[in-house]
Amino acid sequence: MSKVAIITGSSRGIGAATAIRLANDGFNICVNYHRDQAAANQIVKQIESLGRNAIAVQADVSNEQQVKGLFEQSDRQLGQLFALVNNAGILRQQSRLVDMNAQRINEVLATNVTGTFLCSKYAISRMSPKNGGDGGVIVNVSSAAARLGAANEYID
């Protein structure tokens, strides 16, 4: 039986490339997307052309009920989870910190931090041998923006 992976934010970019790579390695894939269903469906078609099973599931990773639904749909349609790749993340338009309001900061934190914790929580509840799982792996992805910051940022 093939291993199952959920990759958040996998309708484009690094997430899509990860989904294709894992499919090439024999995984069945749950492609998570937030807004672009057409792009997610395109990745599903590419994965299926490799002979693997794949589904596209819309979920905002910052919303616990949607995350729960994402994992439940993957369980029903693909089977026992083995891998989670926390790839979803937002940055928004670059701006100086002094120009950011609390709403923007909280949106970024909700997706990039809370979303990672929520997805990990639901993955662990399935994969941990303490919960009847067979083990598995969680990979957290970050971008260079986390390390380098915004271009042209300066203090004056």
N, C-alpha and C. Protein backbone atom coordinates (compact mmCIF):
# COMPACT_ATOMS: atom_id res chain seq x y z
N MET A 1 0.84 -1.19 0.00
CA MET A 1 0.00 0.00 0.00
C MET A 1 0.88 1.25 0.00
N SER A 2 0.51 2.24 -0.77
CA SER A 2 1.29 3.47 -0.89
C SER A 2 1.15 4.35 0.35
N LYS A 3 2.21 5.06 0.64
CA LYS A 3 2.18 6.03 1.73
C LYS A 3 1.43 7.27 1.28
N VAL A 4 0.84 7.97 2.24
CA VAL A 4 0.04 9.17 1.97
C VAL A 4 0.74 10.38 2.56
N ALA A 5 0.75 11.47 1.80
CA ALA A 5 1.30 12.73 2.27
C ALA A 5 0.29 13.85 2.04
N ILE A 6 0.20 14.73 3.01
CA ILE A 6 -0.54 15.98 2.87
C ILE A 6 0.51 17.08 2.75
N ILE A 7 0.37 17.90 1.72
CA ILE A 7 1.27 19.04 1.55
C ILE A 7 0.41 20.29 1.55
N THR A 8 0.58 21.14 2.55
CA THR A 8 -0.20 22.37 2.60
C THR A 8 0.37 23.37 1.61
N GLY A 9 -0.50 24.18 1.06
CA GLY A 9 -0.05 25.18 0.09
C GLY A 9 0.63 24.56 -1.10
N SER A 10 0.03 23.49 -1.64
CA SER A 10 0.74 22.75 -2.70
C SER A 10 0.14 22.93 -4.09
N SER A 11 -0.60 24.00 -4.29
CA SER A 11 -1.15 24.24 -5.63
C SER A 11 -0.16 24.95 -6.53
N ARG A 12 0.94 25.45 -5.97
CA ARG A 12 1.95 26.14 -6.79
C ARG A 12 3.28 26.18 -6.05
N GLY A 13 4.31 26.63 -6.72
CA GLY A 13 5.61 26.87 -6.11
C GLY A 13 6.26 25.65 -5.49
N ILE A 14 6.90 25.88 -4.35
CA ILE A 14 7.63 24.82 -3.64
C ILE A 14 6.69 23.68 -3.25
N GLY A 15 5.48 24.01 -2.83
CA GLY A 15 4.52 22.98 -2.44
C GLY A 15 4.16 22.07 -3.60
N ALA A 16 3.92 22.65 -4.77
CA ALA A 16 3.59 21.85 -5.95
C ALA A 16 4.77 20.96 -6.34
N ALA A 17 5.97 21.54 -6.33
CA ALA A 17 7.17 20.75 -6.66
C ALA A 17 7.36 19.60 -5.66
N THR A 18 7.07 19.86 -4.40
CA THR A 18 7.17 18.82 -3.37
C THR A 18 6.15 17.71 -3.63
N ALA A 19 4.93 18.11 -3.98
CA ALA A 19 3.88 17.12 -4.26
C ALA A 19 4.29 16.21 -5.43
N ILE A 20 4.81 16.80 -6.49
CA ILE A 20 5.24 16.02 -7.65
C ILE A 20 6.41 15.10 -7.27
N ARG A 21 7.35 15.62 -6.52
CA ARG A 21 8.51 14.82 -6.10
C ARG A 21 8.06 13.62 -5.26
N LEU A 22 7.19 13.87 -4.28
CA LEU A 22 6.73 12.76 -3.44
C LEU A 22 5.91 11.75 -4.24
N ALA A 23 5.15 12.22 -5.20
CA ALA A 23 4.41 11.30 -6.06
C ALA A 23 5.39 10.44 -6.87
N ASN A 24 6.45 11.05 -7.37
CA ASN A 24 7.49 10.29 -8.08
C ASN A 24 8.15 9.26 -7.17
N ASP A 25 8.16 9.54 -5.87
CA ASP A 25 8.73 8.62 -4.90
C ASP A 25 7.72 7.58 -4.40
N GLY A 26 6.51 7.58 -4.98
CA GLY A 26 5.52 6.55 -4.66
C GLY A 26 4.43 6.94 -3.70
N PHE A 27 4.35 8.20 -3.31
CA PHE A 27 3.32 8.65 -2.38
C PHE A 27 2.02 8.98 -3.11
N ASN A 28 0.91 8.75 -2.44
CA ASN A 28 -0.37 9.33 -2.83
C ASN A 28 -0.46 10.67 -2.11
N ILE A 29 -1.03 11.67 -2.77
CA ILE A 29 -0.90 13.05 -2.31
C ILE A 29 -2.24 13.73 -2.09
N CYS A 30 -2.34 14.41 -0.95
CA CYS A 30 -3.43 15.34 -0.70
C CYS A 30 -2.87 16.75 -0.95
N VAL A 31 -3.34 17.37 -2.03
CA VAL A 31 -2.92 18.70 -2.42
C VAL A 31 -3.84 19.70 -1.71
N ASN A 32 -3.28 20.43 -0.77
CA ASN A 32 -4.05 21.46 -0.06
C ASN A 32 -3.86 22.80 -0.76
N TYR A 33 -4.97 23.52 -0.88
CA TYR A 33 -4.91 24.87 -1.44
C TYR A 33 -5.86 25.76 -0.65
N HIS A 34 -5.64 27.06 -0.75
CA HIS A 34 -6.51 28.02 -0.06
C HIS A 34 -7.51 28.64 -1.02
N ARG A 35 -7.03 29.14 -2.18
CA ARG A 35 -7.92 29.86 -3.09
C ARG A 35 -7.94 29.31 -4.52
N ASP A 36 -6.85 28.83 -5.04
CA ASP A 36 -6.74 28.53 -6.46
C ASP A 36 -7.02 27.06 -6.77
N GLN A 37 -8.31 26.74 -6.87
CA GLN A 37 -8.72 25.36 -7.13
C GLN A 37 -8.21 24.86 -8.47
N ALA A 38 -8.23 25.71 -9.49
CA ALA A 38 -7.78 25.28 -10.82
C ALA A 38 -6.31 24.85 -10.79
N ALA A 39 -5.47 25.61 -10.09
CA ALA A 39 -4.05 25.25 -9.98
C ALA A 39 -3.89 23.94 -9.22
N ALA A 40 -4.67 23.77 -8.14
CA ALA A 40 -4.60 22.53 -7.36
C ALA A 40 -5.02 21.33 -8.22
N ASN A 41 -6.08 21.51 -9.00
CA ASN A 41 -6.55 20.42 -9.86
C ASN A 41 -5.51 20.07 -10.92
N GLN A 42 -4.75 21.05 -11.38
CA GLN A 42 -3.68 20.80 -12.35
C GLN A 42 -2.59 19.92 -11.74
N ILE A 43 -2.25 20.19 -10.47
CA ILE A 43 -1.23 19.38 -9.78
C ILE A 43 -1.77 17.96 -9.58
N VAL A 44 -3.04 17.83 -9.23
CA VAL A 44 -3.65 16.51 -9.08
C VAL A 44 -3.53 15.73 -10.39
N LYS A 45 -3.82 16.37 -11.51
CA LYS A 45 -3.71 15.70 -12.82
C LYS A 45 -2.28 15.25 -13.10
N GLN A 46 -1.32 16.09 -12.76
CA GLN A 46 0.08 15.71 -12.96
C GLN A 46 0.45 14.49 -12.12
N ILE A 47 -0.02 14.48 -10.87
CA ILE A 47 0.26 13.35 -9.98
C ILE A 47 -0.41 12.08 -10.51
N GLU A 48 -1.64 12.19 -10.94
CA GLU A 48 -2.35 11.03 -11.48
C GLU A 48 -1.67 10.51 -12.75
N SER A 49 -1.07 11.41 -13.54
CA SER A 49 -0.36 10.96 -14.74
C SER A 49 0.88 10.14 -14.39
N LEU A 50 1.32 10.25 -13.14
CA LEU A 50 2.46 9.47 -12.65
C LEU A 50 2.01 8.12 -12.06
N GLY A 51 0.70 7.87 -12.11
CA GLY A 51 0.17 6.61 -11.60
C GLY A 51 -0.13 6.61 -10.12
N ARG A 52 -0.16 7.77 -9.52
CA ARG A 52 -0.45 7.90 -8.09
C ARG A 52 -1.86 8.44 -7.90
N ASN A 53 -2.43 8.23 -6.72
CA ASN A 53 -3.72 8.83 -6.38
C ASN A 53 -3.47 10.20 -5.77
N ALA A 54 -4.38 11.13 -6.06
CA ALA A 54 -4.26 12.47 -5.51
C ALA A 54 -5.64 13.11 -5.41
N ILE A 55 -5.79 13.98 -4.43
CA ILE A 55 -7.00 14.76 -4.28
C ILE A 55 -6.59 16.20 -3.98
N ALA A 56 -7.47 17.13 -4.33
CA ALA A 56 -7.28 18.54 -3.99
C ALA A 56 -8.30 18.90 -2.92
N VAL A 57 -7.83 19.48 -1.81
CA VAL A 57 -8.72 19.83 -0.71
C VAL A 57 -8.49 21.28 -0.32
N GLN A 58 -9.56 22.07 -0.38
CA GLN A 58 -9.48 23.47 0.03
C GLN A 58 -9.54 23.54 1.54
N ALA A 59 -8.63 24.28 2.12
CA ALA A 59 -8.65 24.54 3.56
C ALA A 59 -7.72 25.69 3.88
N ASP A 60 -8.20 26.59 4.71
CA ASP A 60 -7.39 27.67 5.26
C ASP A 60 -6.71 27.10 6.50
N VAL A 61 -5.40 26.96 6.48
CA VAL A 61 -4.70 26.29 7.58
C VAL A 61 -4.76 27.07 8.88
N SER A 62 -5.18 28.31 8.85
CA SER A 62 -5.31 29.08 10.09
C SER A 62 -6.65 28.82 10.78
N ASN A 63 -7.52 28.04 10.14
CA ASN A 63 -8.86 27.76 10.67
C ASN A 63 -8.91 26.30 11.11
N GLU A 64 -9.05 26.07 12.41
CA GLU A 64 -8.97 24.70 12.93
C GLU A 64 -10.03 23.78 12.34
N GLN A 65 -11.25 24.25 12.18
CA GLN A 65 -12.29 23.38 11.62
C GLN A 65 -11.97 22.98 10.18
N GLN A 66 -11.39 23.90 9.41
CA GLN A 66 -11.01 23.57 8.04
C GLN A 66 -9.82 22.60 8.02
N VAL A 67 -8.89 22.77 8.94
CA VAL A 67 -7.76 21.83 9.04
C VAL A 67 -8.27 20.44 9.40
N LYS A 68 -9.16 20.38 10.37
CA LYS A 68 -9.75 19.09 10.76
C LYS A 68 -10.41 18.42 9.55
N GLY A 69 -11.17 19.20 8.77
CA GLY A 69 -11.82 18.67 7.58
C GLY A 69 -10.82 18.21 6.52
N LEU A 70 -9.73 18.94 6.37
CA LEU A 70 -8.66 18.56 5.43
C LEU A 70 -8.14 17.17 5.76
N PHE A 71 -7.82 16.95 7.02
CA PHE A 71 -7.27 15.65 7.44
C PHE A 71 -8.31 14.55 7.35
N GLU A 72 -9.55 14.85 7.69
CA GLU A 72 -10.61 13.83 7.60
C GLU A 72 -10.86 13.43 6.15
N GLN A 73 -10.85 14.40 5.23
CA GLN A 73 -11.06 14.07 3.83
C GLN A 73 -9.90 13.24 3.28
N SER A 74 -8.68 13.59 3.67
CA SER A 74 -7.52 12.79 3.26
C SER A 74 -7.63 11.37 3.79
N ASP A 75 -8.03 11.22 5.06
CA ASP A 75 -8.22 9.89 5.65
C ASP A 75 -9.20 9.06 4.82
N ARG A 76 -10.35 9.66 4.51
CA ARG A 76 -11.42 8.94 3.79
C ARG A 76 -11.01 8.55 2.38
N GLN A 77 -10.33 9.46 1.70
CA GLN A 77 -10.08 9.24 0.28
C GLN A 77 -8.72 8.61 -0.04
N LEU A 78 -7.75 8.81 0.85
CA LEU A 78 -6.40 8.30 0.55
C LEU A 78 -5.89 7.27 1.55
N GLY A 79 -6.40 7.30 2.78
CA GLY A 79 -5.96 6.33 3.77
C GLY A 79 -5.03 6.91 4.82
N GLN A 80 -4.31 6.02 5.48
CA GLN A 80 -3.46 6.35 6.63
C GLN A 80 -2.35 7.35 6.26
N LEU A 81 -2.29 8.43 6.99
CA LEU A 81 -1.28 9.46 6.76
C LEU A 81 0.10 9.01 7.21
N PHE A 82 1.10 9.27 6.38
CA PHE A 82 2.49 9.00 6.75
C PHE A 82 3.32 10.29 6.82
N ALA A 83 3.00 11.29 6.01
CA ALA A 83 3.83 12.49 5.96
C ALA A 83 2.99 13.75 5.85
N LEU A 84 3.44 14.78 6.54
CA LEU A 84 2.87 16.11 6.44
C LEU A 84 3.99 17.06 6.07
N VAL A 85 3.76 17.87 5.04
CA VAL A 85 4.70 18.93 4.70
C VAL A 85 3.97 20.24 4.93
N ASN A 86 4.36 20.95 5.99
CA ASN A 86 3.80 22.27 6.31
C ASN A 86 4.49 23.29 5.43
N ASN A 87 3.85 23.60 4.31
CA ASN A 87 4.43 24.51 3.33
C ASN A 87 3.66 25.82 3.22
N ALA A 88 2.38 25.82 3.57
CA ALA A 88 1.55 27.02 3.40
C ALA A 88 2.12 28.18 4.20
N GLY A 89 2.14 29.33 3.58
CA GLY A 89 2.62 30.52 4.27
C GLY A 89 2.26 31.76 3.48
N ILE A 90 2.11 32.86 4.19
CA ILE A 90 1.81 34.13 3.54
C ILE A 90 2.81 35.18 4.00
N LEU A 91 3.02 36.16 3.16
CA LEU A 91 3.91 37.26 3.51
C LEU A 91 3.18 38.58 3.36
N ARG A 92 2.35 38.69 2.39
CA ARG A 92 1.66 39.92 2.00
C ARG A 92 2.65 40.88 1.35
N GLN A 93 2.14 42.01 0.91
CA GLN A 93 3.00 43.00 0.27
C GLN A 93 4.05 43.49 1.25
N GLN A 94 5.27 43.61 0.78
CA GLN A 94 6.35 44.07 1.65
C GLN A 94 6.04 45.47 2.15
N SER A 95 6.31 45.67 3.42
CA SER A 95 6.16 47.00 4.01
C SER A 95 7.04 47.08 5.25
N ARG A 96 7.25 48.28 5.66
CA ARG A 96 8.03 48.49 6.88
C ARG A 96 7.19 48.09 8.09
N LEU A 97 7.83 47.55 9.09
CA LEU A 97 7.12 47.13 10.29
C LEU A 97 6.33 48.28 10.89
N VAL A 98 6.88 49.46 10.88
CA VAL A 98 6.17 50.60 11.49
C VAL A 98 4.90 50.95 10.73
N ASP A 99 4.74 50.43 9.52
CA ASP A 99 3.54 50.68 8.74
C ASP A 99 2.52 49.55 8.83
N MET A 100 2.86 48.48 9.56
CA MET A 100 1.96 47.34 9.69
C MET A 100 1.00 47.54 10.85
N ASN A 101 -0.25 47.08 10.65
CA ASN A 101 -1.20 47.12 11.76
C ASN A 101 -1.35 45.72 12.36
N ALA A 102 -2.02 45.64 13.48
CA ALA A 102 -2.16 44.37 14.19
C ALA A 102 -2.90 43.33 13.36
N GLN A 103 -3.88 43.75 12.58
CA GLN A 103 -4.64 42.79 11.77
C GLN A 103 -3.72 42.08 10.78
N ARG A 104 -2.87 42.83 10.09
CA ARG A 104 -1.96 42.22 9.14
C ARG A 104 -0.98 41.28 9.83
N ILE A 105 -0.41 41.71 10.93
CA ILE A 105 0.53 40.88 11.68
C ILE A 105 -0.16 39.59 12.12
N ASN A 106 -1.37 39.71 12.64
CA ASN A 106 -2.09 38.53 13.11
C ASN A 106 -2.46 37.58 11.98
N GLU A 107 -2.79 38.10 10.79
CA GLU A 107 -3.07 37.23 9.65
C GLU A 107 -1.85 36.40 9.27
N VAL A 108 -0.70 37.05 9.24
CA VAL A 108 0.54 36.34 8.90
C VAL A 108 0.85 35.28 9.96
N LEU A 109 0.75 35.65 11.22
CA LEU A 109 1.03 34.69 12.29
C LEU A 109 0.03 33.54 12.30
N ALA A 110 -1.24 33.85 12.03
CA ALA A 110 -2.27 32.79 12.04
C ALA A 110 -1.97 31.74 10.98
N THR A 111 -1.56 32.16 9.81
CA THR A 111 -1.25 31.20 8.75
C THR A 111 0.09 30.53 8.98
N ASN A 112 1.13 31.33 9.19
CA ASN A 112 2.49 30.81 9.20
C ASN A 112 2.86 30.07 10.48
N VAL A 113 2.27 30.46 11.59
CA VAL A 113 2.62 29.82 12.87
C VAL A 113 1.48 28.93 13.37
N THR A 114 0.32 29.53 13.58
CA THR A 114 -0.80 28.74 14.09
C THR A 114 -1.16 27.62 13.12
N GLY A 115 -1.15 27.91 11.82
CA GLY A 115 -1.46 26.89 10.82
C GLY A 115 -0.52 25.70 10.89
N THR A 116 0.77 25.98 11.08
CA THR A 116 1.76 24.92 11.20
C THR A 116 1.47 24.05 12.42
N PHE A 117 1.17 24.70 13.55
CA PHE A 117 0.86 23.94 14.77
C PHE A 117 -0.42 23.12 14.61
N LEU A 118 -1.47 23.72 14.01
CA LEU A 118 -2.72 22.99 13.85
C LEU A 118 -2.55 21.76 12.96
N CYS A 119 -1.88 21.94 11.83
CA CYS A 119 -1.67 20.80 10.92
C CYS A 119 -0.82 19.72 11.60
N SER A 120 0.19 20.14 12.34
CA SER A 120 1.04 19.17 13.05
C SER A 120 0.22 18.41 14.09
N LYS A 121 -0.65 19.12 14.79
CA LYS A 121 -1.51 18.49 15.80
C LYS A 121 -2.34 17.37 15.17
N TYR A 122 -2.99 17.66 14.05
CA TYR A 122 -3.85 16.65 13.42
C TYR A 122 -3.03 15.54 12.78
N ALA A 123 -1.83 15.84 12.32
CA ALA A 123 -0.96 14.79 11.78
C ALA A 123 -0.49 13.86 12.89
N ILE A 124 -0.04 14.43 13.98
CA ILE A 124 0.46 13.62 15.10
C ILE A 124 -0.65 12.74 15.65
N SER A 125 -1.87 13.27 15.70
CA SER A 125 -2.98 12.46 16.23
C SER A 125 -3.24 11.22 15.37
N ARG A 126 -2.78 11.24 14.14
CA ARG A 126 -2.94 10.09 13.25
C ARG A 126 -1.70 9.21 13.18
N MET A 127 -0.53 9.83 13.21
CA MET A 127 0.71 9.10 12.96
C MET A 127 1.34 8.50 14.22
N SER A 128 1.15 9.10 15.35
CA SER A 128 1.83 8.65 16.56
C SER A 128 1.42 7.23 16.97
N PRO A 129 2.40 6.38 17.24
CA PRO A 129 2.07 5.04 17.75
C PRO A 129 1.25 5.09 19.05
N LYS A 130 1.40 6.16 19.82
CA LYS A 130 0.60 6.31 21.04
C LYS A 130 -0.89 6.45 20.72
N ASN A 131 -1.18 6.87 19.48
CA ASN A 131 -2.58 7.03 19.05
C ASN A 131 -3.00 5.96 18.05
N GLY A 132 -2.21 4.89 17.94
CA GLY A 132 -2.54 3.79 17.04
C GLY A 132 -1.96 3.93 15.64
N GLY A 133 -1.14 4.95 15.42
CA GLY A 133 -0.53 5.15 14.11
C GLY A 133 0.74 4.33 13.95
N ASP A 134 1.29 4.40 12.76
CA ASP A 134 2.51 3.64 12.44
C ASP A 134 3.74 4.53 12.36
N GLY A 135 3.65 5.73 12.89
CA GLY A 135 4.76 6.67 12.78
C GLY A 135 4.63 7.49 11.51
N GLY A 136 5.59 8.34 11.29
CA GLY A 136 5.55 9.19 10.11
C GLY A 136 6.52 10.33 10.25
N VAL A 137 6.35 11.31 9.39
CA VAL A 137 7.29 12.42 9.35
C VAL A 137 6.54 13.73 9.11
N ILE A 138 7.03 14.80 9.74
CA ILE A 138 6.53 16.15 9.51
C ILE A 138 7.71 17.00 9.08
N VAL A 139 7.53 17.71 7.97
CA VAL A 139 8.56 18.61 7.46
C VAL A 139 7.97 20.01 7.45
N ASN A 140 8.66 20.97 8.07
CA ASN A 140 8.23 22.36 8.08
C ASN A 140 9.11 23.15 7.12
N VAL A 141 8.46 23.81 6.16
CA VAL A 141 9.15 24.56 5.13
C VAL A 141 9.08 26.04 5.45
N SER A 142 10.18 26.73 5.18
CA SER A 142 10.21 28.18 5.33
C SER A 142 10.86 28.75 4.08
N SER A 143 10.71 30.03 3.88
CA SER A 143 11.32 30.66 2.71
C SER A 143 12.51 31.51 3.14
N ALA A 144 13.26 31.95 2.16
CA ALA A 144 14.40 32.82 2.44
C ALA A 144 13.95 34.12 3.08
N ALA A 145 12.71 34.52 2.87
CA ALA A 145 12.21 35.76 3.48
C ALA A 145 12.25 35.69 5.00
N ALA A 146 12.12 34.48 5.55
CA ALA A 146 12.19 34.34 7.00
C ALA A 146 13.59 34.65 7.52
N ARG A 147 14.58 34.40 6.70
CA ARG A 147 15.96 34.60 7.09
C ARG A 147 16.50 35.96 6.66
N LEU A 148 16.08 36.39 5.47
CA LEU A 148 16.65 37.61 4.89
C LEU A 148 15.82 38.86 5.13
N GLY A 149 14.55 38.68 5.45
CA GLY A 149 13.68 39.84 5.63
C GLY A 149 13.29 40.44 4.30
N ALA A 150 12.67 41.58 4.34
CA ALA A 150 12.20 42.23 3.14
C ALA A 150 13.33 43.03 2.48
N ALA A 151 13.32 43.00 1.18
CA ALA A 151 14.33 43.78 0.44
C ALA A 151 14.14 45.26 0.70
N ASN A 152 15.23 45.97 0.72
CA ASN A 152 15.22 47.43 0.89
C ASN A 152 14.68 47.88 2.24
N GLU A 153 14.69 47.00 3.21
CA GLU A 153 14.25 47.38 4.56
C GLU A 153 15.40 48.09 5.27
N TYR A 154 15.10 49.16 5.88
CA TYR A 154 16.15 49.91 6.58
C TYR A 154 15.54 50.62 7.78
N ILE A 155 16.38 51.05 8.65
CA ILE A 155 15.95 51.80 9.84
C ILE A 155 16.40 53.23 9.63
N ASP A 156 15.49 54.16 9.82
CA ASP A 156 15.88 55.57 9.71
C ASP A 156 15.43 56.38 10.89
